[in-house]
PDB file of N, CA and C in Angstrom:
ATOM      1  N   UNK A   1      -9.210  -0.255 -18.068  1.00  0.00           N
ATOM      2  CA  UNK A   1      -9.981  -1.098 -17.591  1.00  0.00           C
ATOM      3  C   UNK A   1      -9.977  -2.577 -17.861  1.00  0.00           C
ATOM      4  N   UNK A   2     -10.082  -2.239 -19.411  1.00  0.00           N
ATOM      5  CA  UNK A   2      -9.754  -3.977 -20.327  1.00  0.00           C
ATOM      6  C   UNK A   2      -8.759  -4.700 -19.128  1.00  0.00           C
ATOM      7  N   UNK A   3      -7.491  -4.059 -19.577  1.00  0.00           N
ATOM      8  CA  UNK A   3      -6.122  -4.319 -18.910  1.00  0.00           C
ATOM      9  C   UNK A   3      -5.840  -5.152 -17.514  1.00  0.00           C
ATOM     10  N   UNK A   4      -6.435  -4.308 -16.996  1.00  0.00           N
ATOM     11  CA  UNK A   4      -6.623  -4.937 -14.856  1.00  0.00           C
ATOM     12  C   UNK A   4      -7.766  -5.855 -15.001  1.00  0.00           C
ATOM     13  N   UNK A   5      -8.669  -6.095 -16.091  1.00  0.00           N
ATOM     14  CA  UNK A   5      -9.472  -6.977 -15.676  1.00  0.00           C
ATOM     15  C   UNK A   5      -9.272  -8.603 -16.348  1.00  0.00           C
ATOM     16  N   UNK A   6      -7.819  -8.180 -17.368  1.00  0.00           N
ATOM     17  CA  UNK A   6      -7.105  -9.251 -17.884  1.00  0.00           C
ATOM     18  C   UNK A   6      -6.711 -10.326 -16.190  1.00  0.00           C
ATOM     19  N   UNK A   7      -6.980 -11.849 -17.019  1.00  0.00           N
ATOM     20  CA  UNK A   7      -6.315 -12.689 -15.256  1.00  0.00           C
ATOM     21  C   UNK A   7      -5.261 -12.795 -15.913  1.00  0.00           C
ATOM     22  N   UNK A   8      -4.307 -13.658 -14.761  1.00  0.00           N
ATOM     23  CA  UNK A   8      -2.852 -13.663 -14.980  1.00  0.00           C
ATOM     24  C   UNK A   8      -3.061 -14.801 -13.362  1.00  0.00           C
ATOM     25  N   UNK A   9      -1.902 -15.585 -14.078  1.00  0.00           N
ATOM     26  CA  UNK A   9      -1.702 -16.522 -13.086  1.00  0.00           C
ATOM     27  C   UNK A   9      -0.568 -16.122 -11.965  1.00  0.00           C
ATOM     28  N   UNK A  10      -0.723 -16.729 -10.300  1.00  0.00           N
ATOM     29  CA  UNK A  10       0.072 -16.213  -9.778  1.00  0.00           C
ATOM     30  C   UNK A  10       0.112 -17.028  -8.819  1.00  0.00           C
ATOM     31  N   UNK A  11       1.782 -17.312  -7.975  1.00  0.00           N
ATOM     32  CA  UNK A  11       1.424 -18.382  -7.258  1.00  0.00           C
ATOM     33  C   UNK A  11       1.510 -17.619  -5.865  1.00  0.00           C
ATOM     34  N   UNK A  12       0.648 -18.233  -4.802  1.00  0.00           N
ATOM     35  CA  UNK A  12       0.242 -17.896  -3.426  1.00  0.00           C
ATOM     36  C   UNK A  12       0.957 -19.189  -2.244  1.00  0.00           C
ATOM     37  N   UNK A  13       1.570 -19.050  -1.338  1.00  0.00           N
ATOM     38  CA  UNK A  13       1.619 -20.232  -0.829  1.00  0.00           C
ATOM     39  C   UNK A  13       1.770 -21.407  -1.496  1.00  0.00           C
ATOM     40  N   UNK A  14       1.972 -21.868  -2.308  1.00  0.00           N
ATOM     41  CA  UNK A  14       2.677 -22.749  -3.142  1.00  0.00           C
ATOM     42  C   UNK A  14       1.532 -23.205  -3.764  1.00  0.00           C
ATOM     43  N   UNK A  15       0.378 -22.704  -3.964  1.00  0.00           N
ATOM     44  CA  UNK A  15      -0.834 -22.575  -5.120  1.00  0.00           C
ATOM     45  C   UNK A  15      -0.368 -22.027  -6.675  1.00  0.00           C
ATOM     46  N   UNK A  16      -0.986 -22.464  -7.064  1.00  0.00           N
ATOM     47  CA  UNK A  16      -1.289 -21.577  -8.583  1.00  0.00           C
ATOM     48  C   UNK A  16      -2.436 -20.987  -8.525  1.00  0.00           C
ATOM     49  N   UNK A  17      -2.771 -19.699  -8.855  1.00  0.00           N
ATOM     50  CA  UNK A  17      -4.276 -18.777  -9.241  1.00  0.00           C
ATOM     51  C   UNK A  17      -4.641 -18.175 -10.042  1.00  0.00           C
ATOM     52  N   UNK A  18      -5.325 -17.954 -10.614  1.00  0.00           N
ATOM     53  CA  UNK A  18      -5.569 -17.386 -11.650  1.00  0.00           C
ATOM     54  C   UNK A  18      -6.774 -16.159 -11.173  1.00  0.00           C
ATOM     55  N   UNK A  19      -6.369 -15.101 -11.133  1.00  0.00           N
ATOM     56  CA  UNK A  19      -6.611 -13.604 -10.143  1.00  0.00           C
ATOM     57  C   UNK A  19      -6.287 -12.431 -11.347  1.00  0.00           C
ATOM     58  N   UNK A  20      -7.556 -11.184 -11.504  1.00  0.00           N
ATOM     59  CA  UNK A  20      -7.405 -10.626 -12.242  1.00  0.00           C
ATOM     60  C   UNK A  20      -6.347  -9.457 -12.016  1.00  0.00           C
ATOM     61  N   UNK A  21      -5.768  -9.239 -13.202  1.00  0.00           N
ATOM     62  CA  UNK A  21      -4.285  -8.504 -13.137  1.00  0.00           C
ATOM     63  C   UNK A  21      -4.561  -7.440 -11.472  1.00  0.00           C
ATOM     64  N   UNK A  22      -5.478  -6.457 -11.598  1.00  0.00           N
ATOM     65  CA  UNK A  22      -5.467  -5.772 -10.508  1.00  0.00           C
ATOM     66  C   UNK A  22      -5.518  -5.631  -9.129  1.00  0.00           C
ATOM     67  N   UNK A  23      -5.452  -7.039  -8.793  1.00  0.00           N
ATOM     68  CA  UNK A  23      -5.538  -8.037  -8.031  1.00  0.00           C
ATOM     69  C   UNK A  23      -4.128  -8.533  -7.475  1.00  0.00           C
ATOM     70  N   UNK A  24      -3.578  -8.832  -8.925  1.00  0.00           N
ATOM     71  CA  UNK A  24      -2.196  -9.086  -8.565  1.00  0.00           C
ATOM     72  C   UNK A  24      -1.351  -8.056  -7.713  1.00  0.00           C
ATOM     73  N   UNK A  25      -1.649  -6.892  -9.400  1.00  0.00           N
ATOM     74  CA  UNK A  25      -1.166  -5.759  -8.624  1.00  0.00           C
ATOM     75  C   UNK A  25      -1.155  -5.013  -7.139  1.00  0.00           C
ATOM     76  N   UNK A  26      -2.136  -5.509  -6.596  1.00  0.00           N
ATOM     77  CA  UNK A  26      -2.595  -4.879  -5.306  1.00  0.00           C
ATOM     78  C   UNK A  26      -1.868  -5.561  -4.326  1.00  0.00           C
ATOM     79  N   UNK A  27      -2.146  -6.594  -4.848  1.00  0.00           N
ATOM     80  CA  UNK A  27      -1.172  -7.679  -4.119  1.00  0.00           C
ATOM     81  C   UNK A  27       0.524  -7.341  -3.603  1.00  0.00           C
ATOM     82  N   UNK A  28       0.797  -7.058  -5.292  1.00  0.00           N
ATOM     83  CA  UNK A  28       2.178  -6.983  -5.032  1.00  0.00           C
ATOM     84  C   UNK A  28       2.914  -5.975  -4.427  1.00  0.00           C
ATOM     85  N   UNK A  29       2.097  -4.914  -4.593  1.00  0.00           N
ATOM     86  CA  UNK A  29       2.352  -3.302  -4.112  1.00  0.00           C
ATOM     87  C   UNK A  29       1.854  -3.456  -2.357  1.00  0.00           C
ATOM     88  N   UNK A  30       0.944  -3.807  -1.864  1.00  0.00           N
ATOM     89  CA  UNK A  30       1.035  -4.851  -0.044  1.00  0.00           C
ATOM     90  C   UNK A  30       2.284  -5.184   0.122  1.00  0.00           C
ATOM     91  N   UNK A  31       3.008  -6.149  -0.904  1.00  0.00           N
ATOM     92  CA  UNK A  31       4.195  -7.241  -0.396  1.00  0.00           C
ATOM     93  C   UNK A  31       5.442  -5.881  -0.358  1.00  0.00           C
ATOM     94  N   UNK A  32       5.221  -5.104  -0.930  1.00  0.00           N
ATOM     95  CA  UNK A  32       6.453  -4.108  -1.122  1.00  0.00           C
ATOM     96  C   UNK A  32       6.138  -3.435   0.083  1.00  0.00           C
ATOM     97  N   UNK A  33       5.085  -2.902   0.534  1.00  0.00           N
ATOM     98  CA  UNK A  33       5.215  -1.804   1.241  1.00  0.00           C
ATOM     99  C   UNK A  33       5.460  -2.802   3.013  1.00  0.00           C
ATOM    100  N   UNK A  34       4.889  -3.966   2.721  1.00  0.00           N
ATOM    101  CA  UNK A  34       5.035  -3.965   4.185  1.00  0.00           C
ATOM    102  C   UNK A  34       6.681  -4.304   4.093  1.00  0.00           C
ATOM    103  N   UNK A  35       7.591  -5.165   2.793  1.00  0.00           N
ATOM    104  CA  UNK A  35       8.457  -5.521   3.240  1.00  0.00           C
ATOM    105  C   UNK A  35       9.466  -3.885   2.870  1.00  0.00           C
ATOM    106  N   UNK A  36       8.931  -3.332   2.610  1.00  0.00           N
ATOM    107  CA  UNK A  36       9.577  -2.014   1.910  1.00  0.00           C
ATOM    108  C   UNK A  36      10.204  -0.681   2.842  1.00  0.00           C
ATOM    109  N   UNK A  37      10.601   0.140   1.747  1.00  0.00           N
ATOM    110  CA  UNK A  37      10.859   1.588   2.638  1.00  0.00           C
ATOM    111  C   UNK A  37       9.579   2.128   2.676  1.00  0.00           C
ATOM    112  N   UNK A  38      10.254   3.830   3.417  1.00  0.00           N
ATOM    113  CA  UNK A  38       8.830   4.670   3.775  1.00  0.00           C
ATOM    114  C   UNK A  38       8.487   4.970   2.022  1.00  0.00           C
ATOM    115  N   UNK A  39       8.888   5.145   1.308  1.00  0.00           N
ATOM    116  CA  UNK A  39       8.828   5.564  -0.403  1.00  0.00           C
ATOM    117  C   UNK A  39       7.330   4.278  -0.909  1.00  0.00           C
ATOM    118  N   UNK A  40       7.924   3.606  -0.585  1.00  0.00           N
ATOM    119  CA  UNK A  40       7.413   2.151  -0.964  1.00  0.00           C
ATOM    120  C   UNK A  40       5.716   2.503  -0.085  1.00  0.00           C
ATOM    121  N   UNK A  41       5.862   2.686   1.051  1.00  0.00           N
ATOM    122  CA  UNK A  41       5.008   2.479   1.897  1.00  0.00           C
ATOM    123  C   UNK A  41       3.363   4.317   1.402  1.00  0.00           C
ATOM    124  N   UNK A  42       4.384   5.098   1.339  1.00  0.00           N
ATOM    125  CA  UNK A  42       3.660   5.518   0.702  1.00  0.00           C
ATOM    126  C   UNK A  42       3.133   5.266  -0.765  1.00  0.00           C
ATOM    127  N   UNK A  43       3.905   4.937  -1.920  1.00  0.00           N
ATOM    128  CA  UNK A  43       3.119   4.718  -2.737  1.00  0.00           C
ATOM    129  C   UNK A  43       2.148   3.680  -2.875  1.00  0.00           C
ATOM    130  N   UNK A  44       2.504   3.013  -2.042  1.00  0.00           N
ATOM    131  CA  UNK A  44       0.605   2.213  -2.161  1.00  0.00           C
ATOM    132  C   UNK A  44      -0.282   2.682  -1.208  1.00  0.00           C
ATOM    133  N   UNK A  45      -0.015   3.752  -0.588  1.00  0.00           N
ATOM    134  CA  UNK A  45      -1.033   4.297  -0.063  1.00  0.00           C
ATOM    135  C   UNK A  45      -1.690   5.320  -0.866  1.00  0.00           C
ATOM    136  N   UNK A  46      -0.940   5.747  -1.889  1.00  0.00           N
ATOM    137  CA  UNK A  46      -1.373   6.779  -3.169  1.00  0.00           C
ATOM    138  C   UNK A  46      -2.349   6.075  -3.988  1.00  0.00           C
ATOM    139  N   UNK A  47      -1.763   4.625  -4.362  1.00  0.00           N
ATOM    140  CA  UNK A  47      -2.448   4.231  -5.857  1.00  0.00           C
ATOM    141  C   UNK A  47      -4.012   3.010  -4.493  1.00  0.00           C
ATOM    142  N   UNK A  48      -3.696   2.803  -3.496  1.00  0.00           N
ATOM    143  CA  UNK A  48      -5.056   2.526  -2.810  1.00  0.00           C
ATOM    144  C   UNK A  48      -6.290   4.063  -2.887  1.00  0.00           C
ATOM    145  N   UNK A  49      -5.500   4.398  -2.786  1.00  0.00           N
ATOM    146  CA  UNK A  49      -6.490   5.997  -3.053  1.00  0.00           C
ATOM    147  C   UNK A  49      -7.022   6.368  -4.250  1.00  0.00           C
ATOM    148  N   UNK A  50      -6.308   5.580  -5.441  1.00  0.00           N
ATOM    149  CA  UNK A  50      -6.261   6.351  -7.028  1.00  0.00           C
ATOM    150  C   UNK A  50      -7.273   5.241  -7.120  1.00  0.00           C
ATOM    151  N   UNK A  51      -7.677   4.004  -6.877  1.00  0.00           N
ATOM    152  CA  UNK A  51      -7.710   2.657  -7.014  1.00  0.00           C
ATOM    153  C   UNK A  51      -9.009   2.199  -6.625  1.00  0.00           C
ATOM    154  N   UNK A  52      -8.948   2.551  -5.060  1.00  0.00           N
ATOM    155  CA  UNK A  52     -10.442   1.897  -4.383  1.00  0.00           C
ATOM    156  C   UNK A  52     -10.448   2.890  -3.534  1.00  0.00           C
ATOM    157  N   UNK A  53     -10.573   4.024  -3.319  1.00  0.00           N
ATOM    158  CA  UNK A  53     -10.783   5.005  -2.990  1.00  0.00           C
ATOM    159  C   UNK A  53     -11.534   5.026  -1.705  1.00  0.00           C
ATOM    160  N   UNK A  54     -12.180   4.332  -1.716  1.00  0.00           N
ATOM    161  CA  UNK A  54     -14.070   3.689  -0.802  1.00  0.00           C
ATOM    162  C   UNK A  54     -13.103   2.711   0.180  1.00  0.00           C
ATOM    163  N   UNK A  55     -11.688   2.067   0.229  1.00  0.00           N
ATOM    164  CA  UNK A  55     -10.987   1.930   1.130  1.00  0.00           C
ATOM    165  C   UNK A  55     -10.789   2.810   2.357  1.00  0.00           C
ATOM    166  N   UNK A  56     -10.465   4.114   1.353  1.00  0.00           N
ATOM    167  CA  UNK A  56     -10.176   5.136   2.338  1.00  0.00           C
ATOM    168  C   UNK A  56     -11.063   5.669   3.458  1.00  0.00           C
ATOM    169  N   UNK A  57     -12.436   5.679   2.276  1.00  0.00           N
ATOM    170  CA  UNK A  57     -13.184   6.885   3.107  1.00  0.00           C
ATOM    171  C   UNK A  57     -13.973   6.488   4.554  1.00  0.00           C
ATOM    172  N   UNK A  58     -14.736   7.357   5.243  1.00  0.00           N
ATOM    173  CA  UNK A  58     -15.746   6.993   6.530  1.00  0.00           C
ATOM    174  C   UNK A  58     -16.447   6.146   6.095  1.00  0.00           C
ATOM    175  N   UNK A  59     -16.805   5.162   7.054  1.00  0.00           N
ATOM    176  CA  UNK A  59     -17.479   3.957   7.067  1.00  0.00           C
ATOM    177  C   UNK A  59     -18.711   4.948   7.240  1.00  0.00           C
ATOM    178  N   UNK A  60     -20.030   4.643   8.030  1.00  0.00           N
ATOM    179  CA  UNK A  60     -21.209   4.970   8.154  1.00  0.00           C
ATOM    180  C   UNK A  60     -21.010   4.743   9.381  1.00  0.00           C
ATOM    181  N   UNK A  61     -20.852   3.754  10.109  1.00  0.00           N
ATOM    182  CA  UNK A  61     -20.594   3.468  11.646  1.00  0.00           C
ATOM    183  C   UNK A  61     -19.083   3.618  11.724  1.00  0.00           C
ATOM    184  N   UNK A  62     -19.437   4.662  13.144  1.00  0.00           N
ATOM    185  CA  UNK A  62     -17.866   4.560  13.558  1.00  0.00           C
ATOM    186  C   UNK A  62     -17.036   3.703  14.358  1.00  0.00           C
ATOM    187  N   UNK A  63     -15.666   3.502  14.158  1.00  0.00           N
ATOM    188  CA  UNK A  63     -14.985   2.449  14.919  1.00  0.00           C
ATOM    189  C   UNK A  63     -13.661   3.105  15.152  1.00  0.00           C
ATOM    190  N   UNK A  64     -13.306   2.767  16.238  1.00  0.00           N
ATOM    191  CA  UNK A  64     -11.849   3.386  16.796  1.00  0.00           C
ATOM    192  C   UNK A  64     -10.737   2.897  15.882  1.00  0.00           C
ATOM    193  N   UNK A  65     -10.241   3.202  15.203  1.00  0.00           N
ATOM    194  CA  UNK A  65      -8.726   2.295  14.441  1.00  0.00           C
ATOM    195  C   UNK A  65      -7.541   3.190  15.199  1.00  0.00           C
ATOM    196  N   UNK A  66      -6.723   2.430  15.414  1.00  0.00           N
ATOM    197  CA  UNK A  66      -5.173   3.509  15.287  1.00  0.00           C
ATOM    198  C   UNK A  66      -4.405   2.898  14.521  1.00  0.00           C
ATOM    199  N   UNK A  67      -3.749   3.533  13.866  1.00  0.00           N
ATOM    200  CA  UNK A  67      -2.760   3.144  12.841  1.00  0.00           C
ATOM    201  C   UNK A  67      -1.652   3.445  13.324  1.00  0.00           C
ATOM    202  N   UNK A  68      -0.326   2.503  12.771  1.00  0.00           N
ATOM    203  CA  UNK A  68       0.285   2.234  13.475  1.00  0.00           C
ATOM    204  C   UNK A  68       1.569   2.225  12.100  1.00  0.00           C
ATOM    205  N   UNK A  69       2.603   2.388  11.481  1.00  0.00           N
ATOM    206  CA  UNK A  69       3.532   2.584  10.946  1.00  0.00           C
ATOM    207  C   UNK A  69       4.651   2.075  11.172  1.00  0.00           C
ATOM    208  N   UNK A  70       5.624   0.707  10.937  1.00  0.00           N
ATOM    209  CA  UNK A  70       6.816   0.657  11.803  1.00  0.00           C
ATOM    210  C   UNK A  70       7.585   0.059  10.535  1.00  0.00           C
ATOM    211  N   UNK A  71       8.602   0.679   9.989  1.00  0.00           N
ATOM    212  CA  UNK A  71       9.149   1.064   9.691  1.00  0.00           C
ATOM    213  C   UNK A  71      10.315  -0.658   9.475  1.00  0.00           C
ATOM    214  N   UNK A  72      11.306  -0.568   8.372  1.00  0.00           N
ATOM    215  CA  UNK A  72      11.998  -1.962   8.417  1.00  0.00           C
ATOM    216  C   UNK A  72      12.862  -2.385   9.465  1.00  0.00           C
ATOM    217  N   UNK A  73      13.560  -1.123  10.274  1.00  0.00           N
ATOM    218  CA  UNK A  73      14.112  -0.787  11.077  1.00  0.00           C
ATOM    219  C   UNK A  73      13.427  -1.231  12.590  1.00  0.00           C
ATOM    220  N   UNK A  74      12.319  -1.342  12.210  1.00  0.00           N
ATOM    221  CA  UNK A  74      11.302  -1.092  13.757  1.00  0.00           C
ATOM    222  C   UNK A  74      11.068   0.146  14.650  1.00  0.00           C
ATOM    223  N   UNK A  75      11.312   1.502  13.799  1.00  0.00           N
ATOM    224  CA  UNK A  75      10.789   2.461  13.995  1.00  0.00           C
ATOM    225  C   UNK A  75       9.110   2.313  14.199  1.00  0.00           C
ATOM    226  N   UNK A  76       8.312   2.827  15.016  1.00  0.00           N
ATOM    227  CA  UNK A  76       7.525   2.712  14.547  1.00  0.00           C
ATOM    228  C   UNK A  76       6.730   4.150  14.820  1.00  0.00           C
ATOM    229  N   UNK A  77       5.604   4.299  14.165  1.00  0.00           N
ATOM    230  CA  UNK A  77       5.219   6.093  14.193  1.00  0.00           C
ATOM    231  C   UNK A  77       3.872   6.251  13.923  1.00  0.00           C
ATOM    232  N   UNK A  78       3.155   7.002  13.608  1.00  0.00           N
ATOM    233  CA  UNK A  78       1.190   7.503  13.648  1.00  0.00           C
ATOM    234  C   UNK A  78       1.275   8.192  12.327  1.00  0.00           C
ATOM    235  N   UNK A  79       0.513   8.311  11.336  1.00  0.00           N
ATOM    236  CA  UNK A  79       0.489   8.520  10.191  1.00  0.00           C
ATOM    237  C   UNK A  79       0.441   9.752  10.120  1.00  0.00           C
ATOM    238  N   UNK A  80       0.665  10.986  10.481  1.00  0.00           N
ATOM    239  CA  UNK A  80       1.513  12.056  10.676  1.00  0.00           C
ATOM    240  C   UNK A  80       3.139  12.319  10.371  1.00  0.00           C
ATOM    241  N   UNK A  81       3.356  11.472  11.142  1.00  0.00           N
ATOM    242  CA  UNK A  81       4.422  11.203  11.398  1.00  0.00           C
ATOM    243  C   UNK A  81       5.580  10.393  10.456  1.00  0.00           C
ATOM    244  N   UNK A  82       4.869   9.256   9.257  1.00  0.00           N
ATOM    245  CA  UNK A  82       4.463   8.829   8.567  1.00  0.00           C
ATOM    246  C   UNK A  82       5.028   9.652   7.594  1.00  0.00           C
ATOM    247  N   UNK A  83       3.981  10.690   7.073  1.00  0.00           N
ATOM    248  CA  UNK A  83       3.784  11.565   6.025  1.00  0.00           C
ATOM    249  C   UNK A  83       5.009  12.710   6.062  1.00  0.00           C
ATOM    250  N   UNK A  84       4.859  13.359   7.288  1.00  0.00           N
ATOM    251  CA  UNK A  84       6.446  14.269   7.198  1.00  0.00           C
ATOM    252  C   UNK A  84       7.570  13.720   7.151  1.00  0.00           C
ATOM    253  N   UNK A  85       8.056  12.665   7.346  1.00  0.00           N
ATOM    254  CA  UNK A  85       9.432  11.762   7.408  1.00  0.00           C
ATOM    255  C   UNK A  85       9.377  11.598   5.931  1.00  0.00           C
ATOM    256  N   UNK A  86       7.784  11.110   5.140  1.00  0.00           N
ATOM    257  CA  UNK A  86       8.275  10.471   3.846  1.00  0.00           C
ATOM    258  C   UNK A  86       8.430  11.764   3.095  1.00  0.00           C
ATOM    259  N   UNK A  87       7.867  13.400   2.710  1.00  0.00           N
ATOM    260  CA  UNK A  87       8.173  14.494   1.818  1.00  0.00           C
ATOM    261  C   UNK A  87       9.651  14.604   2.594  1.00  0.00           C
ATOM    262  N   UNK A  88      10.344  14.666   3.937  1.00  0.00           N
ATOM    263  CA  UNK A  88      11.699  15.188   4.495  1.00  0.00           C
ATOM    264  C   UNK A  88      12.597  13.732   3.762  1.00  0.00           C
ATOM    265  N   UNK A  89      12.057  12.874   3.653  1.00  0.00           N
ATOM    266  CA  UNK A  89      12.853  11.778   2.681  1.00  0.00           C
ATOM    267  C   UNK A  89      12.942  12.261   1.067  1.00  0.00           C
ATOM    268  N   UNK A  90      12.203  12.814   0.291  1.00  0.00           N
ATOM    269  CA  UNK A  90      11.898  12.717  -0.716  1.00  0.00           C
ATOM    270  C   UNK A  90      12.741  14.111  -0.984  1.00  0.00           C
ATOM    271  N   UNK A  91      12.312  14.855  -0.229  1.00  0.00           N
ATOM    272  CA  UNK A  91      12.999  16.388  -0.708  1.00  0.00           C
ATOM    273  C   UNK A  91      15.214  16.124  -0.180  1.00  0.00           C
ATOM    274  N   UNK A  92      15.221  15.175   0.621  1.00  0.00           N
ATOM    275  CA  UNK A  92      16.687  14.323   0.774  1.00  0.00           C
ATOM    276  C   UNK A  92      17.476  13.902  -0.585  1.00  0.00           C
ATOM    277  N   UNK A  93      16.366  12.884  -1.434  1.00  0.00           N
ATOM    278  CA  UNK A  93      16.701  11.957  -2.420  1.00  0.00           C
ATOM    279  C   UNK A  93      16.850  12.867  -3.522  1.00  0.00           C
ATOM    280  N   UNK A  94      15.724  14.171  -3.624  1.00  0.00           N
ATOM    281  CA  UNK A  94      15.537  14.846  -4.997  1.00  0.00           C
ATOM    282  C   UNK A  94      16.687  15.495  -5.153  1.00  0.00           C
ATOM    283  N   UNK A  95      17.440  15.829  -6.655  1.00  0.00           N
ATOM    284  CA  UNK A  95      18.585  16.109  -6.777  1.00  0.00           C
ATOM    285  C   UNK A  95      18.446  18.142  -7.106  1.00  0.00           C
TER     286      UNK A  95
END
């Protein structure tokens, strides 16, 4: 926890900011998930679940949200399809 709370300098939109290492880590994971492969998106979700499970918990007030995943090639899919394809992808890349 001490390491994750250390402050580091990052450049964002041309400005240098000092933020906790954990925030820099989440920002980098988010960037990779948004621009990367399904494997990177899945890794992002697993890390959010690990470090900030409250972000994935149900709120006391119901809010309708539709989540779609869009792959770098523009394919759109819901969470279940994304998770299914991610598992298939992992199996096909495992020696």
